Each structure stands twice: as structure tokens, then as C-alpha cells.
């Protein structure tokens, strides 16, 4: 059986949803994340909406600011209530 890869749009949407979920579970506002990553808040919001994917440097800045491994953004089974608030 051939399993198709998800489209870029679907992958961006999933990543964005994961980013927003983790950010909110950590208690980090969009403005605070923007300040800590030196990214524009609108840029992060568009990424969270799956409308504009982050490049690797931007994504690295986000996961460092949230103190999480990259894989956490892709795993919907993670219990986000167990994340410590920042």
C-alpha cells in the first residue's frame, strides 16, 4: 500500500497548530514569544494559522524559546497539561 506524504499546506497547518497549542500550554503570549525569538508577532501568528511556514532558523528560535524538542510540535498525543508554564 502506498501512503502519500501530507501536502506542504497540511504539514504547515499541523506544525502551526502544534506551535500554538504548546505556546498556550506554556502560558506564553504571542507578543512574548515574538520578543524572545526576535520575530514579528504577525509572522508567528501566520505560522500558527498554517498560512506561512517558518524557515528552519525561525523554527529553531521558537523551539528554543519554548524550551521544547522539535518533535513535540508534531505529536498530537502529548499531554500538554503536563508542560510547565514559563
C-alpha atoms as a PDB file:
ATOM      1  CA  UNK A   1       0.000   0.000   0.000  1.00  0.00           C
ATOM      2  CA  UNK A   2       1.302   3.448  -0.893  1.00  0.00           C
ATOM      3  CA  UNK A   3       0.900   6.074   1.809  1.00  0.00           C
ATOM      4  CA  UNK A   4       1.032   9.609   0.411  1.00  0.00           C
ATOM      5  CA  UNK A   5       3.074  12.272   2.120  1.00  0.00           C
ATOM      6  CA  UNK A   6       0.988  15.078   3.602  1.00  0.00           C
ATOM      7  CA  UNK A   7       0.881  18.199   1.493  1.00  0.00           C
ATOM      8  CA  UNK A   8       3.035  21.163   2.433  1.00  0.00           C
ATOM      9  CA  UNK A   9      -0.130  23.021   3.410  1.00  0.00           C
ATOM     10  CA  UNK A  10      -1.256  20.188   5.703  1.00  0.00           C
ATOM     11  CA  UNK A  11       2.194  19.928   7.270  1.00  0.00           C
ATOM     12  CA  UNK A  12       2.302  23.697   7.858  1.00  0.00           C
ATOM     13  CA  UNK A  13      -1.150  23.632   9.404  1.00  0.00           C
ATOM     14  CA  UNK A  14      -0.213  20.749  11.720  1.00  0.00           C
ATOM     15  CA  UNK A  15       3.033  22.405  12.755  1.00  0.00           C
ATOM     16  CA  UNK A  16       1.275  25.726  13.324  1.00  0.00           C
ATOM     17  CA  UNK A  17      -1.432  24.096  15.420  1.00  0.00           C
ATOM     18  CA  UNK A  18       1.250  22.362  17.479  1.00  0.00           C
ATOM     19  CA  UNK A  19       3.122  25.630  17.970  1.00  0.00           C
ATOM     20  CA  UNK A  20       0.015  27.434  19.194  1.00  0.00           C
ATOM     21  CA  UNK A  21      -1.002  24.570  21.492  1.00  0.00           C
ATOM     22  CA  UNK A  22       2.430  24.352  23.101  1.00  0.00           C
ATOM     23  CA  UNK A  23       2.768  28.136  23.386  1.00  0.00           C
ATOM     24  CA  UNK A  24      -0.596  28.391  25.126  1.00  0.00           C
ATOM     25  CA  UNK A  25       0.126  25.396  27.378  1.00  0.00           C
ATOM     26  CA  UNK A  26       3.361  27.103  28.403  1.00  0.00           C
ATOM     27  CA  UNK A  27       1.452  30.307  29.181  1.00  0.00           C
ATOM     28  CA  UNK A  28       3.470  32.323  26.675  1.00  0.00           C
ATOM     29  CA  UNK A  29       1.728  35.161  24.856  1.00  0.00           C
ATOM     30  CA  UNK A  30       2.256  35.773  21.172  1.00  0.00           C
ATOM     31  CA  UNK A  31       3.968  39.082  21.978  1.00  0.00           C
ATOM     32  CA  UNK A  32       6.304  37.448  24.490  1.00  0.00           C
ATOM     33  CA  UNK A  33       7.280  34.712  22.027  1.00  0.00           C
ATOM     34  CA  UNK A  34       7.883  37.362  19.373  1.00  0.00           C
ATOM     35  CA  UNK A  35      10.109  39.305  21.748  1.00  0.00           C
ATOM     36  CA  UNK A  36      12.103  36.230  22.800  1.00  0.00           C
ATOM     37  CA  UNK A  37      12.600  35.000  19.214  1.00  0.00           C
ATOM     38  CA  UNK A  38      13.127  38.421  17.610  1.00  0.00           C
ATOM     39  CA  UNK A  39      10.344  37.560  15.156  1.00  0.00           C
ATOM     40  CA  UNK A  40       7.359  39.699  14.337  1.00  0.00           C
ATOM     41  CA  UNK A  41       4.196  38.633  16.193  1.00  0.00           C
ATOM     42  CA  UNK A  42       2.271  38.674  12.896  1.00  0.00           C
ATOM     43  CA  UNK A  43       4.859  36.291  11.428  1.00  0.00           C
ATOM     44  CA  UNK A  44       4.321  33.842  14.283  1.00  0.00           C
ATOM     45  CA  UNK A  45       0.531  34.205  14.072  1.00  0.00           C
ATOM     46  CA  UNK A  46       0.578  33.392  10.350  1.00  0.00           C
ATOM     47  CA  UNK A  47       2.739  30.345  11.042  1.00  0.00           C
ATOM     48  CA  UNK A  48       0.385  29.196  13.797  1.00  0.00           C
ATOM     49  CA  UNK A  49      -2.517  29.514  11.368  1.00  0.00           C
ATOM     50  CA  UNK A  50      -0.632  27.400   8.833  1.00  0.00           C
ATOM     51  CA  UNK A  51      -0.666  30.262   6.342  1.00  0.00           C
ATOM     52  CA  UNK A  52       3.082  30.941   6.203  1.00  0.00           C
ATOM     53  CA  UNK A  53       5.598  28.269   7.265  1.00  0.00           C
ATOM     54  CA  UNK A  54       8.626  29.231   9.319  1.00  0.00           C
ATOM     55  CA  UNK A  55      12.075  28.702   7.910  1.00  0.00           C
ATOM     56  CA  UNK A  56      14.478  26.486   9.851  1.00  0.00           C
ATOM     57  CA  UNK A  57      16.141  29.373  11.712  1.00  0.00           C
ATOM     58  CA  UNK A  58      12.777  30.777  12.794  1.00  0.00           C
ATOM     59  CA  UNK A  59      11.537  27.363  13.891  1.00  0.00           C
ATOM     60  CA  UNK A  60      14.756  26.810  15.841  1.00  0.00           C
ATOM     61  CA  UNK A  61      14.225  30.149  17.620  1.00  0.00           C
ATOM     62  CA  UNK A  62      10.652  29.169  18.541  1.00  0.00           C
ATOM     63  CA  UNK A  63      11.509  25.763  19.974  1.00  0.00           C
ATOM     64  CA  UNK A  64      14.396  27.262  21.935  1.00  0.00           C
ATOM     65  CA  UNK A  65      12.170  29.999  23.365  1.00  0.00           C
ATOM     66  CA  UNK A  66       9.536  27.414  24.352  1.00  0.00           C
ATOM     67  CA  UNK A  67      12.208  25.020  25.723  1.00  0.00           C
ATOM     68  CA  UNK A  68      10.872  22.000  23.855  1.00  0.00           C
ATOM     69  CA  UNK A  69      12.168  19.407  21.405  1.00  0.00           C
ATOM     70  CA  UNK A  70      11.030  19.873  17.818  1.00  0.00           C
ATOM     71  CA  UNK A  71       9.135  16.577  17.794  1.00  0.00           C
ATOM     72  CA  UNK A  72       6.721  17.846  20.430  1.00  0.00           C
ATOM     73  CA  UNK A  73       5.148  20.160  17.842  1.00  0.00           C
ATOM     74  CA  UNK A  74       4.255  17.197  15.640  1.00  0.00           C
ATOM     75  CA  UNK A  75       2.887  14.817  18.285  1.00  0.00           C
ATOM     76  CA  UNK A  76      -0.839  15.361  18.954  1.00  0.00           C
ATOM     77  CA  UNK A  77      -0.815  12.596  21.596  1.00  0.00           C
ATOM     78  CA  UNK A  78       1.342  14.612  24.018  1.00  0.00           C
ATOM     79  CA  UNK A  79      -0.475  15.633  27.196  1.00  0.00           C
ATOM     80  CA  UNK A  80       0.117  19.377  27.088  1.00  0.00           C
ATOM     81  CA  UNK A  81      -1.350  19.845  30.550  1.00  0.00           C
ATOM     82  CA  UNK A  82       1.881  18.330  31.885  1.00  0.00           C
ATOM     83  CA  UNK A  83       4.019  21.114  30.389  1.00  0.00           C
ATOM     84  CA  UNK A  84       5.395  23.551  32.907  1.00  0.00           C
ATOM     85  CA  UNK A  85       4.310  27.126  32.386  1.00  0.00           C
ATOM     86  CA  UNK A  86       7.137  29.550  31.586  1.00  0.00           C
END
